[in-house]
C-alpha atoms as a PDB file:
ATOM      1  CA  UNK A   1      60.555 -68.662 -32.498  1.00  0.00           C
ATOM      2  CA  UNK A   2      59.044 -67.220 -35.681  1.00  0.00           C
ATOM      3  CA  UNK A   3      61.147 -68.079 -38.665  1.00  0.00           C
ATOM      4  CA  UNK A   4      59.005 -66.790 -41.583  1.00  0.00           C
ATOM      5  CA  UNK A   5      56.137 -64.620 -42.183  1.00  0.00           C
ATOM      6  CA  UNK A   6      54.963 -61.600 -44.165  1.00  0.00           C
ATOM      7  CA  UNK A   7      57.162 -59.308 -41.897  1.00  0.00           C
ATOM      8  CA  UNK A   8      59.934 -61.852 -41.518  1.00  0.00           C
ATOM      9  CA  UNK A   9      60.774 -63.068 -38.031  1.00  0.00           C
ATOM     10  CA  UNK A  10      58.833 -60.343 -36.280  1.00  0.00           C
ATOM     11  CA  UNK A  11      55.423 -61.566 -37.759  1.00  0.00           C
ATOM     12  CA  UNK A  12      52.876 -62.788 -35.182  1.00  0.00           C
ATOM     13  CA  UNK A  13      51.891 -66.449 -35.201  1.00  0.00           C
ATOM     14  CA  UNK A  14      48.335 -64.993 -35.414  1.00  0.00           C
ATOM     15  CA  UNK A  15      48.886 -64.062 -39.100  1.00  0.00           C
ATOM     16  CA  UNK A  16      48.180 -66.540 -41.887  1.00  0.00           C
ATOM     17  CA  UNK A  17      51.314 -68.093 -43.379  1.00  0.00           C
ATOM     18  CA  UNK A  18      53.585 -67.576 -40.348  1.00  0.00           C
ATOM     19  CA  UNK A  19      55.989 -70.432 -39.575  1.00  0.00           C
ATOM     20  CA  UNK A  20      57.233 -71.041 -36.124  1.00  0.00           C
ATOM     21  CA  UNK A  21      59.961 -73.511 -34.994  1.00  0.00           C
ATOM     22  CA  UNK A  22      59.814 -74.788 -31.401  1.00  0.00           C
ATOM     23  CA  UNK A  23      61.913 -76.837 -28.980  1.00  0.00           C
ATOM     24  CA  UNK A  24      59.791 -77.062 -25.809  1.00  0.00           C
ATOM     25  CA  UNK A  25      60.020 -79.046 -22.534  1.00  0.00           C
ATOM     26  CA  UNK A  26      57.757 -82.033 -22.046  1.00  0.00           C
ATOM     27  CA  UNK A  27      56.883 -82.442 -18.269  1.00  0.00           C
ATOM     28  CA  UNK A  28      55.098 -84.918 -16.218  1.00  0.00           C
ATOM     29  CA  UNK A  29      52.456 -82.292 -15.219  1.00  0.00           C
ATOM     30  CA  UNK A  30      51.270 -78.803 -16.111  1.00  0.00           C
ATOM     31  CA  UNK A  31      53.461 -77.051 -13.607  1.00  0.00           C
ATOM     32  CA  UNK A  32      56.486 -75.649 -15.614  1.00  0.00           C
ATOM     33  CA  UNK A  33      58.632 -76.789 -12.539  1.00  0.00           C
ATOM     34  CA  UNK A  34      57.410 -80.466 -12.812  1.00  0.00           C
ATOM     35  CA  UNK A  35      59.969 -83.094 -13.879  1.00  0.00           C
ATOM     36  CA  UNK A  36      61.001 -82.814 -17.592  1.00  0.00           C
ATOM     37  CA  UNK A  37      60.774 -86.228 -19.412  1.00  0.00           C
ATOM     38  CA  UNK A  38      61.452 -84.929 -22.995  1.00  0.00           C
ATOM     39  CA  UNK A  39      61.313 -82.268 -25.617  1.00  0.00           C
ATOM     40  CA  UNK A  40      58.683 -81.400 -28.204  1.00  0.00           C
ATOM     41  CA  UNK A  41      60.618 -80.254 -31.309  1.00  0.00           C
ATOM     42  CA  UNK A  42      58.990 -79.247 -34.588  1.00  0.00           C
ATOM     43  CA  UNK A  43      57.035 -76.538 -36.466  1.00  0.00           C
ATOM     44  CA  UNK A  44      53.744 -74.732 -36.424  1.00  0.00           C
ATOM     45  CA  UNK A  45      52.376 -72.892 -39.420  1.00  0.00           C
ATOM     46  CA  UNK A  46      49.346 -70.520 -39.271  1.00  0.00           C
ATOM     47  CA  UNK A  47      47.195 -72.294 -41.958  1.00  0.00           C
ATOM     48  CA  UNK A  48      43.784 -70.647 -41.533  1.00  0.00           C
ATOM     49  CA  UNK A  49      43.015 -67.524 -43.493  1.00  0.00           C
ATOM     50  CA  UNK A  50      41.351 -65.869 -40.309  1.00  0.00           C
ATOM     51  CA  UNK A  51      44.470 -66.749 -38.228  1.00  0.00           C
ATOM     52  CA  UNK A  52      42.703 -68.935 -35.664  1.00  0.00           C
ATOM     53  CA  UNK A  53      44.301 -72.436 -36.417  1.00  0.00           C
ATOM     54  CA  UNK A  54      47.726 -73.908 -36.907  1.00  0.00           C
ATOM     55  CA  UNK A  55      49.080 -76.861 -38.546  1.00  0.00           C
ATOM     56  CA  UNK A  56      51.512 -78.703 -36.351  1.00  0.00           C
ATOM     57  CA  UNK A  57      54.158 -81.314 -36.955  1.00  0.00           C
ATOM     58  CA  UNK A  58      56.494 -82.334 -34.151  1.00  0.00           C
ATOM     59  CA  UNK A  59      58.385 -85.049 -32.393  1.00  0.00           C
ATOM     60  CA  UNK A  60      58.040 -85.788 -28.696  1.00  0.00           C
ATOM     61  CA  UNK A  61      61.599 -86.987 -27.867  1.00  0.00           C
ATOM     62  CA  UNK A  62      61.696 -88.694 -24.443  1.00  0.00           C
ATOM     63  CA  UNK A  63      64.984 -88.149 -22.588  1.00  0.00           C
ATOM     64  CA  UNK A  64      64.094 -89.416 -19.128  1.00  0.00           C
ATOM     65  CA  UNK A  65      61.768 -91.887 -17.380  1.00  0.00           C
ATOM     66  CA  UNK A  66      60.046 -95.055 -18.599  1.00  0.00           C
ATOM     67  CA  UNK A  67      60.204 -94.024 -22.303  1.00  0.00           C
ATOM     68  CA  UNK A  68      63.758 -92.604 -22.447  1.00  0.00           C
ATOM     69  CA  UNK A  69      65.053 -92.920 -25.965  1.00  0.00           C
ATOM     70  CA  UNK A  70      61.666 -93.228 -27.661  1.00  0.00           C
ATOM     71  CA  UNK A  71      59.746 -90.771 -29.730  1.00  0.00           C
ATOM     72  CA  UNK A  72      56.206 -90.037 -30.797  1.00  0.00           C
ATOM     73  CA  UNK A  73      55.526 -88.225 -34.115  1.00  0.00           C
ATOM     74  CA  UNK A  74      52.578 -85.879 -33.955  1.00  0.00           C
ATOM     75  CA  UNK A  75      50.842 -83.794 -36.666  1.00  0.00           C
ATOM     76  CA  UNK A  76      47.523 -82.290 -37.562  1.00  0.00           C
ATOM     77  CA  UNK A  77      45.328 -79.202 -37.209  1.00  0.00           C
ATOM     78  CA  UNK A  78      45.467 -77.203 -34.021  1.00  0.00           C
ATOM     79  CA  UNK A  79      42.473 -74.840 -33.874  1.00  0.00           C
ATOM     80  CA  UNK A  80      44.007 -73.340 -30.756  1.00  0.00           C
ATOM     81  CA  UNK A  81      40.835 -71.166 -30.006  1.00  0.00           C
ATOM     82  CA  UNK A  82      39.143 -74.393 -28.905  1.00  0.00           C
ATOM     83  CA  UNK A  83      40.007 -75.480 -25.301  1.00  0.00           C
ATOM     84  CA  UNK A  84      40.107 -79.132 -26.362  1.00  0.00           C
ATOM     85  CA  UNK A  85      41.009 -80.657 -29.797  1.00  0.00           C
ATOM     86  CA  UNK A  86      42.305 -83.947 -31.250  1.00  0.00           C
ATOM     87  CA  UNK A  87      45.619 -84.688 -32.795  1.00  0.00           C
ATOM     88  CA  UNK A  88      47.114 -87.550 -34.766  1.00  0.00           C
ATOM     89  CA  UNK A  89      49.950 -89.786 -33.702  1.00  0.00           C
ATOM     90  CA  UNK A  90      51.519 -90.910 -36.958  1.00  0.00           C
ATOM     91  CA  UNK A  91      54.438 -92.927 -35.863  1.00  0.00           C
ATOM     92  CA  UNK A  92      57.063 -93.423 -33.190  1.00  0.00           C
ATOM     93  CA  UNK A  93      60.287 -95.140 -32.263  1.00  0.00           C
ATOM     94  CA  UNK A  94      61.568 -97.335 -29.447  1.00  0.00           C
ATOM     95  CA  UNK A  95      58.713 -98.174 -27.047  1.00  0.00           C
ATOM     96  CA  UNK A  96      56.285 -96.519 -29.543  1.00  0.00           C
ATOM     97  CA  UNK A  97      57.527 -98.222 -32.770  1.00  0.00           C
ATOM     98  CA  UNK A  98      54.728 -98.691 -35.351  1.00  0.00           C
ATOM     99  CA  UNK A  99      52.226 -96.724 -33.116  1.00  0.00           C
ATOM    100  CA  UNK A 100      49.304 -95.057 -34.858  1.00  0.00           C
ATOM    101  CA  UNK A 101      46.308 -93.236 -33.343  1.00  0.00           C
ATOM    102  CA  UNK A 102      45.026 -90.083 -31.873  1.00  0.00           C
ATOM    103  CA  UNK A 103      45.008 -88.082 -28.760  1.00  0.00           C
ATOM    104  CA  UNK A 104      43.342 -85.133 -26.938  1.00  0.00           C
ATOM    105  CA  UNK A 105      45.115 -81.783 -26.505  1.00  0.00           C
ATOM    106  CA  UNK A 106      43.883 -79.351 -23.848  1.00  0.00           C
ATOM    107  CA  UNK A 107      44.977 -75.856 -23.413  1.00  0.00           C
ATOM    108  CA  UNK A 108      45.938 -75.209 -19.788  1.00  0.00           C
ATOM    109  CA  UNK A 109      47.482 -71.729 -20.175  1.00  0.00           C
ATOM    110  CA  UNK A 110      47.702 -69.383 -23.321  1.00  0.00           C
ATOM    111  CA  UNK A 111      49.633 -66.229 -23.690  1.00  0.00           C
ATOM    112  CA  UNK A 112      49.478 -65.390 -27.463  1.00  0.00           C
ATOM    113  CA  UNK A 113      51.408 -62.015 -27.032  1.00  0.00           C
ATOM    114  CA  UNK A 114      54.457 -63.701 -25.519  1.00  0.00           C
ATOM    115  CA  UNK A 115      53.985 -66.976 -27.523  1.00  0.00           C
ATOM    116  CA  UNK A 116      53.714 -69.087 -24.373  1.00  0.00           C
ATOM    117  CA  UNK A 117      51.246 -71.984 -23.747  1.00  0.00           C
ATOM    118  CA  UNK A 118      50.935 -75.024 -21.577  1.00  0.00           C
ATOM    119  CA  UNK A 119      49.319 -77.786 -23.430  1.00  0.00           C
ATOM    120  CA  UNK A 120      48.163 -81.081 -21.972  1.00  0.00           C
ATOM    121  CA  UNK A 121      48.432 -84.024 -24.247  1.00  0.00           C
END
């Protein structure tokens, strides 16, 4: 959901400065019908003047499975025009307490017009 931008909440995430809040399912696989094991909750802001990259900060909150009750804190640049990009893991709780590192993010599906994507972490 867009929460701020030059045209208010109707601004596209493709415009520089637009802020979007999200609460998305985290599933075992890329099929939207696969088992949900958590939620990804946080924000994206379009941080590149040409509109082709976001800055992201979000928590992966596990609510089922082996890591239930644990979280991962993720942040960094998301140049979404690239199919594959790196992200930073800056902290965690529970099973992931004191974790630090990085990961690979791959776009499996992208529909900018309807603000829908399937991202593999």
